[in-house]
Amino acid sequence: MKVTQRTSCATRRNELSKEERTIKNKEISELLISLLRNLNLTISTLTIAMYMPIRSEVDITSLFNEFKAVAIPKVMNDTNMTFYSIPSISDVEIGSFNVLEPISEHPMCPNEIDVVIVPMVGYDTNKQRIGYGKGYYDRYLNTTNAICIGVAYECQKVEHICINEYDKAMNYIVTEQGSI
């Protein structure tokens, strides 16, 4: 079932035009900042873990300079990833799975990160997410007390995701239509 949902959600996301995604990315970025402010978090003092978008994922990289520190993930082996602090959005190189990864020697401990922004292939109203199926984020999120915020387009929503014991629910999910 999860494989079918993953395929269906990715297909709907991929059907959005570049122009639609650009508009929705801006809306999601604005709503994400609004959510953080509503949580009484001071944006400029946050250490945030975000991702470098691939394929047609939500692109929130325009927010990079809003935060005190930004970390992005690097795949370490077949099961684990670590977030590394990067001083600039350009401090990246092609890494595992053809994804931009940090050029950095400064790994962040999970307790140093205030908020983790998580990419999603799909999600439901119970704040469960579908990723690409390798479990990197679920394993990482189970090591941190950071606020976990998934970002996706509204078209990626499904009625219910079948979860397993390793799946980690988001604290919040932000789409172009708001947050849950």
N, C-alpha and C. Protein backbone atom coordinates (compact mmCIF):
# COMPACT_ATOMS: atom_id res chain seq x y z
N MET A 1 0.82 -1.21 0.00
CA MET A 1 0.00 0.00 0.00
C MET A 1 0.87 1.27 0.00
N LYS A 2 1.92 1.29 0.84
CA LYS A 2 2.77 2.47 0.92
C LYS A 2 3.48 2.72 -0.41
N VAL A 3 3.88 1.66 -1.08
CA VAL A 3 4.56 1.81 -2.38
C VAL A 3 3.61 2.46 -3.39
N THR A 4 2.35 2.01 -3.39
CA THR A 4 1.34 2.58 -4.29
C THR A 4 1.10 4.05 -3.95
N GLN A 5 1.00 4.36 -2.65
CA GLN A 5 0.79 5.74 -2.23
C GLN A 5 1.99 6.61 -2.63
N ARG A 6 3.18 6.09 -2.45
CA ARG A 6 4.41 6.83 -2.79
C ARG A 6 4.39 7.18 -4.28
N THR A 7 4.08 6.20 -5.11
CA THR A 7 4.05 6.42 -6.56
C THR A 7 2.99 7.44 -6.93
N SER A 8 1.80 7.30 -6.36
CA SER A 8 0.69 8.20 -6.67
C SER A 8 1.00 9.63 -6.24
N CYS A 9 1.53 9.80 -5.04
CA CYS A 9 1.86 11.14 -4.53
C CYS A 9 2.96 11.78 -5.37
N ALA A 10 3.98 11.01 -5.70
CA ALA A 10 5.09 11.55 -6.51
C ALA A 10 4.58 11.95 -7.89
N THR A 11 3.69 11.16 -8.46
CA THR A 11 3.13 11.47 -9.77
C THR A 11 2.36 12.79 -9.72
N ARG A 12 1.51 12.96 -8.70
CA ARG A 12 0.74 14.20 -8.58
C ARG A 12 1.67 15.40 -8.40
N ARG A 13 2.71 15.23 -7.60
CA ARG A 13 3.67 16.32 -7.39
C ARG A 13 4.38 16.66 -8.70
N ASN A 14 4.78 15.63 -9.43
CA ASN A 14 5.50 15.85 -10.69
C ASN A 14 4.62 16.50 -11.75
N GLU A 15 3.31 16.36 -11.63
CA GLU A 15 2.39 16.95 -12.61
C GLU A 15 2.25 18.46 -12.44
N LEU A 16 2.69 18.98 -11.30
CA LEU A 16 2.65 20.44 -11.13
C LEU A 16 3.66 21.06 -12.08
N SER A 17 3.26 22.13 -12.73
CA SER A 17 4.21 22.81 -13.63
C SER A 17 5.27 23.53 -12.80
N LYS A 18 6.35 23.88 -13.44
CA LYS A 18 7.42 24.61 -12.76
C LYS A 18 6.88 25.92 -12.21
N GLU A 19 6.02 26.58 -12.98
CA GLU A 19 5.43 27.85 -12.54
C GLU A 19 4.56 27.64 -11.31
N GLU A 20 3.74 26.57 -11.30
CA GLU A 20 2.90 26.28 -10.14
C GLU A 20 3.76 26.01 -8.91
N ARG A 21 4.82 25.24 -9.08
CA ARG A 21 5.70 24.92 -7.95
C ARG A 21 6.38 26.19 -7.43
N THR A 22 6.80 27.07 -8.32
CA THR A 22 7.44 28.31 -7.89
C THR A 22 6.51 29.13 -7.01
N ILE A 23 5.27 29.26 -7.42
CA ILE A 23 4.28 30.02 -6.64
C ILE A 23 4.03 29.33 -5.31
N LYS A 24 3.82 28.02 -5.34
CA LYS A 24 3.54 27.26 -4.12
C LYS A 24 4.75 27.25 -3.18
N ASN A 25 5.96 27.19 -3.72
CA ASN A 25 7.16 27.23 -2.88
C ASN A 25 7.22 28.52 -2.08
N LYS A 26 6.89 29.63 -2.73
CA LYS A 26 6.88 30.93 -2.05
C LYS A 26 5.82 30.94 -0.95
N GLU A 27 4.63 30.43 -1.26
CA GLU A 27 3.55 30.38 -0.26
C GLU A 27 3.95 29.49 0.92
N ILE A 28 4.52 28.34 0.64
CA ILE A 28 4.93 27.42 1.71
C ILE A 28 6.03 28.06 2.56
N SER A 29 6.98 28.71 1.93
CA SER A 29 8.06 29.38 2.68
C SER A 29 7.49 30.45 3.62
N GLU A 30 6.56 31.25 3.12
CA GLU A 30 5.94 32.29 3.95
C GLU A 30 5.15 31.68 5.10
N LEU A 31 4.42 30.61 4.82
CA LEU A 31 3.63 29.95 5.87
C LEU A 31 4.52 29.25 6.89
N LEU A 32 5.65 28.76 6.46
CA LEU A 32 6.60 28.13 7.37
C LEU A 32 7.15 29.17 8.35
N ILE A 33 7.55 30.32 7.84
CA ILE A 33 8.05 31.40 8.71
C ILE A 33 6.95 31.84 9.67
N SER A 34 5.72 31.96 9.18
CA SER A 34 4.59 32.34 10.02
C SER A 34 4.37 31.31 11.14
N LEU A 35 4.45 30.02 10.80
CA LEU A 35 4.29 28.98 11.81
C LEU A 35 5.37 29.10 12.89
N LEU A 36 6.61 29.28 12.48
CA LEU A 36 7.70 29.40 13.45
C LEU A 36 7.47 30.60 14.38
N ARG A 37 7.00 31.70 13.82
CA ARG A 37 6.71 32.89 14.65
C ARG A 37 5.54 32.61 15.59
N ASN A 38 4.51 31.91 15.09
CA ASN A 38 3.36 31.57 15.93
C ASN A 38 3.75 30.63 17.07
N LEU A 39 4.83 29.89 16.90
CA LEU A 39 5.34 29.02 17.96
C LEU A 39 6.24 29.80 18.92
N ASN A 40 6.27 31.12 18.74
CA ASN A 40 7.09 32.03 19.56
C ASN A 40 8.58 31.72 19.46
N LEU A 41 8.99 31.32 18.27
CA LEU A 41 10.40 31.08 18.03
C LEU A 41 10.99 32.30 17.34
N THR A 42 12.16 32.71 17.77
CA THR A 42 12.84 33.84 17.15
C THR A 42 13.63 33.30 15.96
N ILE A 43 13.18 33.63 14.77
CA ILE A 43 13.73 33.07 13.54
C ILE A 43 15.24 33.24 13.46
N SER A 44 15.72 34.42 13.76
CA SER A 44 17.15 34.71 13.58
C SER A 44 18.06 33.99 14.58
N THR A 45 17.49 33.33 15.60
CA THR A 45 18.31 32.61 16.57
C THR A 45 18.21 31.09 16.42
N LEU A 46 17.43 30.64 15.44
CA LEU A 46 17.22 29.20 15.27
C LEU A 46 18.37 28.52 14.52
N THR A 47 18.67 27.31 14.95
CA THR A 47 19.51 26.42 14.17
C THR A 47 18.54 25.45 13.50
N ILE A 48 18.54 25.47 12.19
CA ILE A 48 17.54 24.72 11.45
C ILE A 48 18.22 23.71 10.52
N ALA A 49 17.65 22.54 10.46
CA ALA A 49 18.10 21.53 9.51
C ALA A 49 17.10 21.54 8.37
N MET A 50 17.60 21.71 7.17
CA MET A 50 16.74 21.69 5.99
C MET A 50 17.38 20.77 4.96
N TYR A 51 16.80 20.69 3.81
CA TYR A 51 17.29 19.78 2.77
C TYR A 51 17.46 20.54 1.47
N MET A 52 18.23 19.97 0.60
CA MET A 52 18.39 20.51 -0.74
C MET A 52 17.41 19.74 -1.63
N PRO A 53 16.45 20.43 -2.25
CA PRO A 53 15.39 19.73 -2.97
C PRO A 53 15.90 18.96 -4.19
N ILE A 54 15.25 17.82 -4.42
CA ILE A 54 15.50 17.02 -5.61
C ILE A 54 14.17 16.83 -6.33
N ARG A 55 14.29 16.50 -7.59
CA ARG A 55 13.10 16.27 -8.43
C ARG A 55 12.15 17.45 -8.28
N SER A 56 10.94 17.19 -7.89
CA SER A 56 9.94 18.26 -7.80
C SER A 56 9.57 18.57 -6.35
N GLU A 57 10.49 18.31 -5.41
CA GLU A 57 10.22 18.59 -4.00
C GLU A 57 10.03 20.08 -3.75
N VAL A 58 9.33 20.38 -2.66
CA VAL A 58 9.17 21.76 -2.24
C VAL A 58 10.55 22.37 -2.02
N ASP A 59 10.75 23.55 -2.59
CA ASP A 59 12.03 24.25 -2.49
C ASP A 59 11.88 25.42 -1.53
N ILE A 60 12.49 25.29 -0.35
CA ILE A 60 12.46 26.37 0.64
C ILE A 60 13.84 26.98 0.83
N THR A 61 14.74 26.73 -0.10
CA THR A 61 16.11 27.23 0.05
C THR A 61 16.18 28.77 0.07
N SER A 62 15.14 29.43 -0.37
CA SER A 62 15.12 30.90 -0.31
C SER A 62 15.17 31.40 1.13
N LEU A 63 14.87 30.53 2.08
CA LEU A 63 14.86 30.91 3.50
C LEU A 63 16.23 30.76 4.16
N PHE A 64 17.20 30.30 3.43
CA PHE A 64 18.50 29.96 4.02
C PHE A 64 19.05 31.04 4.94
N ASN A 65 19.03 32.28 4.53
CA ASN A 65 19.65 33.35 5.30
C ASN A 65 18.79 33.88 6.45
N GLU A 66 17.63 33.31 6.64
CA GLU A 66 16.73 33.75 7.72
C GLU A 66 17.18 33.27 9.10
N PHE A 67 17.99 32.22 9.14
CA PHE A 67 18.27 31.53 10.39
C PHE A 67 19.70 31.76 10.87
N LYS A 68 19.92 31.56 12.17
CA LYS A 68 21.26 31.70 12.75
C LYS A 68 22.23 30.71 12.11
N ALA A 69 21.79 29.48 11.99
CA ALA A 69 22.62 28.43 11.40
C ALA A 69 21.74 27.46 10.64
N VAL A 70 22.27 26.97 9.53
CA VAL A 70 21.55 26.00 8.70
C VAL A 70 22.43 24.77 8.54
N ALA A 71 21.80 23.62 8.65
CA ALA A 71 22.50 22.36 8.43
C ALA A 71 21.72 21.59 7.37
N ILE A 72 22.44 20.87 6.54
CA ILE A 72 21.79 20.00 5.55
C ILE A 72 22.37 18.59 5.69
N PRO A 73 21.59 17.59 5.24
CA PRO A 73 22.00 16.21 5.49
C PRO A 73 23.04 15.68 4.51
N LYS A 74 23.80 14.74 5.03
CA LYS A 74 24.75 13.99 4.22
C LYS A 74 24.56 12.52 4.58
N VAL A 75 24.38 11.69 3.56
CA VAL A 75 24.24 10.26 3.79
C VAL A 75 25.61 9.71 4.15
N MET A 76 25.66 9.00 5.27
CA MET A 76 26.92 8.48 5.79
C MET A 76 27.18 7.04 5.35
N ASN A 77 26.11 6.26 5.28
CA ASN A 77 26.20 4.84 4.89
C ASN A 77 24.81 4.38 4.47
N ASP A 78 24.58 3.10 4.40
CA ASP A 78 23.30 2.58 3.93
C ASP A 78 22.13 2.86 4.87
N THR A 79 22.40 3.27 6.10
CA THR A 79 21.31 3.46 7.04
C THR A 79 21.26 4.83 7.72
N ASN A 80 22.34 5.59 7.68
CA ASN A 80 22.37 6.82 8.47
C ASN A 80 22.76 8.05 7.67
N MET A 81 22.23 9.16 8.15
CA MET A 81 22.63 10.47 7.64
C MET A 81 22.93 11.35 8.83
N THR A 82 23.73 12.38 8.58
CA THR A 82 24.09 13.36 9.60
C THR A 82 23.90 14.73 8.98
N PHE A 83 23.47 15.68 9.79
CA PHE A 83 23.35 17.05 9.32
C PHE A 83 24.65 17.79 9.60
N TYR A 84 25.09 18.57 8.60
CA TYR A 84 26.31 19.37 8.71
C TYR A 84 25.96 20.83 8.54
N SER A 85 26.54 21.66 9.39
CA SER A 85 26.36 23.10 9.30
C SER A 85 27.08 23.62 8.05
N ILE A 86 26.39 24.47 7.31
CA ILE A 86 27.02 25.10 6.15
C ILE A 86 26.86 26.62 6.25
N PRO A 87 27.91 27.37 5.94
CA PRO A 87 27.83 28.82 6.05
C PRO A 87 27.08 29.48 4.90
N SER A 88 27.01 28.79 3.77
CA SER A 88 26.39 29.38 2.59
C SER A 88 25.66 28.30 1.81
N ILE A 89 24.61 28.69 1.14
CA ILE A 89 23.83 27.75 0.32
C ILE A 89 24.67 27.17 -0.81
N SER A 90 25.76 27.82 -1.13
CA SER A 90 26.62 27.32 -2.21
C SER A 90 27.68 26.32 -1.73
N ASP A 91 27.73 26.07 -0.44
CA ASP A 91 28.71 25.13 0.12
C ASP A 91 28.21 23.69 0.05
N VAL A 92 27.91 23.25 -1.17
CA VAL A 92 27.37 21.91 -1.39
C VAL A 92 28.04 21.28 -2.62
N GLU A 93 27.93 19.96 -2.70
CA GLU A 93 28.42 19.23 -3.86
C GLU A 93 27.51 18.02 -4.08
N ILE A 94 27.55 17.47 -5.27
CA ILE A 94 26.75 16.28 -5.56
C ILE A 94 27.26 15.13 -4.71
N GLY A 95 26.33 14.46 -4.03
CA GLY A 95 26.70 13.34 -3.17
C GLY A 95 25.84 12.12 -3.45
N SER A 96 25.54 11.37 -2.41
CA SER A 96 24.74 10.16 -2.53
C SER A 96 23.40 10.42 -3.19
N PHE A 97 22.97 9.47 -4.00
CA PHE A 97 21.68 9.54 -4.69
C PHE A 97 21.57 10.78 -5.59
N ASN A 98 22.72 11.34 -5.97
CA ASN A 98 22.75 12.52 -6.85
C ASN A 98 22.10 13.74 -6.19
N VAL A 99 22.21 13.83 -4.88
CA VAL A 99 21.62 14.89 -4.08
C VAL A 99 22.74 15.84 -3.65
N LEU A 100 22.45 17.13 -3.61
CA LEU A 100 23.43 18.09 -3.10
C LEU A 100 23.64 17.86 -1.60
N GLU A 101 24.90 17.71 -1.22
CA GLU A 101 25.26 17.47 0.17
C GLU A 101 26.28 18.51 0.61
N PRO A 102 26.43 18.69 1.93
CA PRO A 102 27.33 19.73 2.43
C PRO A 102 28.79 19.46 2.17
N ILE A 103 29.52 20.53 1.88
CA ILE A 103 30.98 20.51 1.90
C ILE A 103 31.31 21.12 3.26
N SER A 104 31.44 20.30 4.25
CA SER A 104 31.63 20.79 5.60
C SER A 104 32.29 19.73 6.45
N GLU A 105 33.02 20.19 7.43
CA GLU A 105 33.61 19.29 8.41
C GLU A 105 33.01 19.55 9.78
N HIS A 106 31.78 20.11 9.80
CA HIS A 106 31.15 20.49 11.06
C HIS A 106 29.81 19.77 11.24
N PRO A 107 29.86 18.49 11.66
CA PRO A 107 28.59 17.78 11.89
C PRO A 107 27.86 18.39 13.08
N MET A 108 26.56 18.39 13.00
CA MET A 108 25.73 18.92 14.08
C MET A 108 25.22 17.74 14.92
N CYS A 109 25.32 17.88 16.22
CA CYS A 109 24.71 16.88 17.11
C CYS A 109 23.20 17.09 17.04
N PRO A 110 22.42 16.02 17.13
CA PRO A 110 20.96 16.18 17.06
C PRO A 110 20.41 17.17 18.08
N ASN A 111 21.03 17.29 19.26
CA ASN A 111 20.52 18.22 20.27
C ASN A 111 20.89 19.67 20.00
N GLU A 112 21.69 19.93 18.96
CA GLU A 112 22.05 21.30 18.59
C GLU A 112 21.04 21.91 17.62
N ILE A 113 20.15 21.09 17.09
CA ILE A 113 19.20 21.53 16.06
C ILE A 113 17.85 21.83 16.70
N ASP A 114 17.32 23.01 16.40
CA ASP A 114 16.03 23.43 16.96
C ASP A 114 14.85 22.91 16.15
N VAL A 115 14.98 22.96 14.83
CA VAL A 115 13.88 22.59 13.91
C VAL A 115 14.47 21.78 12.76
N VAL A 116 13.77 20.71 12.40
CA VAL A 116 14.14 19.94 11.22
C VAL A 116 13.01 20.09 10.21
N ILE A 117 13.34 20.59 9.02
CA ILE A 117 12.38 20.69 7.93
C ILE A 117 12.55 19.42 7.09
N VAL A 118 11.47 18.69 6.93
CA VAL A 118 11.54 17.36 6.33
C VAL A 118 10.81 17.33 4.99
N PRO A 119 11.48 16.84 3.94
CA PRO A 119 10.79 16.68 2.66
C PRO A 119 9.85 15.47 2.73
N MET A 120 8.80 15.52 1.95
CA MET A 120 7.83 14.41 1.97
C MET A 120 7.39 14.08 0.56
N VAL A 121 7.20 12.80 0.32
CA VAL A 121 6.59 12.36 -0.94
C VAL A 121 5.07 12.41 -0.77
N GLY A 122 4.60 12.09 0.43
CA GLY A 122 3.18 12.13 0.74
C GLY A 122 2.98 12.32 2.23
N TYR A 123 1.74 12.62 2.61
CA TYR A 123 1.42 12.83 4.02
C TYR A 123 -0.07 12.63 4.24
N ASP A 124 -0.47 12.50 5.52
CA ASP A 124 -1.88 12.43 5.84
C ASP A 124 -2.20 13.42 6.98
N THR A 125 -3.46 13.52 7.35
CA THR A 125 -3.87 14.49 8.37
C THR A 125 -3.42 14.09 9.77
N ASN A 126 -2.92 12.86 9.93
CA ASN A 126 -2.36 12.44 11.22
C ASN A 126 -0.89 12.84 11.34
N LYS A 127 -0.41 13.62 10.37
CA LYS A 127 0.96 14.13 10.33
C LYS A 127 1.99 13.03 10.10
N GLN A 128 1.54 11.95 9.50
CA GLN A 128 2.46 10.89 9.07
C GLN A 128 2.95 11.23 7.68
N ARG A 129 4.14 10.76 7.35
CA ARG A 129 4.73 11.08 6.05
C ARG A 129 5.18 9.83 5.33
N ILE A 130 5.26 9.98 4.03
CA ILE A 130 5.88 8.97 3.19
C ILE A 130 7.12 9.62 2.61
N GLY A 131 8.25 8.95 2.75
CA GLY A 131 9.49 9.41 2.14
C GLY A 131 9.78 8.55 0.93
N TYR A 132 11.05 8.47 0.59
CA TYR A 132 11.45 7.67 -0.57
C TYR A 132 11.65 6.20 -0.22
N GLY A 133 11.52 5.85 1.05
CA GLY A 133 11.52 4.44 1.43
C GLY A 133 12.81 3.90 2.02
N LYS A 134 13.83 4.73 2.15
CA LYS A 134 15.10 4.26 2.71
C LYS A 134 15.16 4.41 4.23
N GLY A 135 14.31 5.26 4.81
CA GLY A 135 14.24 5.41 6.26
C GLY A 135 15.26 6.34 6.89
N TYR A 136 16.01 7.08 6.08
CA TYR A 136 17.04 7.96 6.64
C TYR A 136 16.45 8.98 7.61
N TYR A 137 15.40 9.66 7.19
CA TYR A 137 14.81 10.68 8.06
C TYR A 137 14.19 10.07 9.30
N ASP A 138 13.46 8.98 9.17
CA ASP A 138 12.84 8.37 10.35
C ASP A 138 13.90 8.00 11.39
N ARG A 139 14.99 7.38 10.94
CA ARG A 139 16.05 7.02 11.89
C ARG A 139 16.65 8.28 12.54
N TYR A 140 16.91 9.32 11.73
CA TYR A 140 17.48 10.53 12.30
C TYR A 140 16.50 11.20 13.27
N LEU A 141 15.25 11.34 12.87
CA LEU A 141 14.28 12.05 13.70
C LEU A 141 14.06 11.37 15.04
N ASN A 142 14.30 10.08 15.12
CA ASN A 142 14.17 9.37 16.39
C ASN A 142 15.36 9.63 17.32
N THR A 143 16.35 10.44 16.88
CA THR A 143 17.50 10.77 17.72
C THR A 143 17.46 12.21 18.23
N THR A 144 16.46 12.97 17.84
CA THR A 144 16.44 14.39 18.17
C THR A 144 15.12 14.80 18.83
N ASN A 145 15.19 15.86 19.62
CA ASN A 145 13.99 16.46 20.21
C ASN A 145 13.58 17.72 19.46
N ALA A 146 14.19 17.96 18.32
CA ALA A 146 13.87 19.14 17.51
C ALA A 146 12.41 19.08 17.06
N ILE A 147 11.87 20.25 16.78
CA ILE A 147 10.53 20.33 16.18
C ILE A 147 10.66 19.83 14.75
N CYS A 148 9.80 18.90 14.37
CA CYS A 148 9.84 18.31 13.02
C CYS A 148 8.69 18.86 12.19
N ILE A 149 9.04 19.54 11.10
CA ILE A 149 8.04 20.15 10.23
C ILE A 149 8.20 19.58 8.83
N GLY A 150 7.18 18.88 8.37
CA GLY A 150 7.17 18.37 7.01
C GLY A 150 6.63 19.43 6.07
N VAL A 151 7.18 19.49 4.87
CA VAL A 151 6.67 20.41 3.85
C VAL A 151 6.32 19.62 2.60
N ALA A 152 5.18 19.98 2.02
CA ALA A 152 4.69 19.29 0.82
C ALA A 152 3.67 20.17 0.14
N TYR A 153 3.30 19.78 -1.06
CA TYR A 153 2.20 20.43 -1.75
C TYR A 153 0.91 19.74 -1.35
N GLU A 154 -0.16 20.47 -1.35
CA GLU A 154 -1.46 19.93 -0.95
C GLU A 154 -1.82 18.68 -1.77
N CYS A 155 -1.42 18.64 -3.03
CA CYS A 155 -1.76 17.51 -3.90
C CYS A 155 -1.10 16.20 -3.46
N GLN A 156 -0.19 16.26 -2.51
CA GLN A 156 0.52 15.06 -2.03
C GLN A 156 -0.20 14.40 -0.86
N LYS A 157 -1.31 14.95 -0.46
CA LYS A 157 -2.06 14.44 0.69
C LYS A 157 -2.81 13.16 0.32
N VAL A 158 -2.78 12.20 1.25
CA VAL A 158 -3.56 10.97 1.11
C VAL A 158 -4.44 10.82 2.34
N GLU A 159 -5.42 9.96 2.24
CA GLU A 159 -6.37 9.80 3.35
C GLU A 159 -5.70 9.21 4.59
N HIS A 160 -4.92 8.15 4.40
CA HIS A 160 -4.31 7.48 5.55
C HIS A 160 -3.04 6.76 5.11
N ILE A 161 -1.98 6.93 5.87
CA ILE A 161 -0.72 6.24 5.59
C ILE A 161 -0.56 5.10 6.58
N CYS A 162 -0.30 3.93 6.08
CA CYS A 162 0.00 2.78 6.94
C CYS A 162 1.42 2.96 7.47
N ILE A 163 1.56 2.99 8.76
CA ILE A 163 2.87 3.23 9.35
C ILE A 163 3.41 1.97 10.00
N ASN A 164 4.72 1.99 10.25
CA ASN A 164 5.33 0.91 11.02
C ASN A 164 5.97 1.52 12.26
N GLU A 165 6.57 0.69 13.07
CA GLU A 165 7.11 1.15 14.36
C GLU A 165 8.24 2.17 14.22
N TYR A 166 8.88 2.25 13.07
CA TYR A 166 9.99 3.17 12.88
C TYR A 166 9.55 4.52 12.36
N ASP A 167 8.37 4.62 11.80
CA ASP A 167 7.91 5.87 11.21
C ASP A 167 7.71 6.93 12.29
N LYS A 168 8.17 8.11 12.00
CA LYS A 168 8.09 9.22 12.94
C LYS A 168 7.13 10.27 12.40
N ALA A 169 6.10 10.57 13.18
CA ALA A 169 5.12 11.60 12.80
C ALA A 169 5.77 12.98 12.91
N MET A 170 5.30 13.89 12.10
CA MET A 170 5.75 15.27 12.15
C MET A 170 5.02 16.00 13.28
N ASN A 171 5.64 17.05 13.81
CA ASN A 171 4.92 17.92 14.74
C ASN A 171 3.95 18.80 13.97
N TYR A 172 4.36 19.21 12.78
CA TYR A 172 3.54 20.06 11.91
C TYR A 172 3.81 19.68 10.47
N ILE A 173 2.84 19.97 9.62
CA ILE A 173 3.01 19.84 8.17
C ILE A 173 2.54 21.15 7.56
N VAL A 174 3.35 21.69 6.67
CA VAL A 174 3.01 22.95 6.00
C VAL A 174 2.86 22.68 4.50
N THR A 175 1.74 23.14 3.96
CA THR A 175 1.50 23.12 2.52
C THR A 175 1.15 24.54 2.10
N GLU A 176 0.89 24.74 0.82
CA GLU A 176 0.52 26.07 0.36
C GLU A 176 -0.84 26.51 0.90
N GLN A 177 -1.60 25.59 1.48
CA GLN A 177 -2.91 25.93 2.02
C GLN A 177 -2.91 26.13 3.54
N GLY A 178 -1.75 25.99 4.16
CA GLY A 178 -1.67 26.21 5.60
C GLY A 178 -0.90 25.11 6.30
N SER A 179 -1.12 25.02 7.61
CA SER A 179 -0.40 24.00 8.38
C SER A 179 -1.37 23.19 9.23
N ILE A 180 -0.92 21.97 9.48
CA ILE A 180 -1.68 21.10 10.40
C ILE A 180 -0.73 20.63 11.48
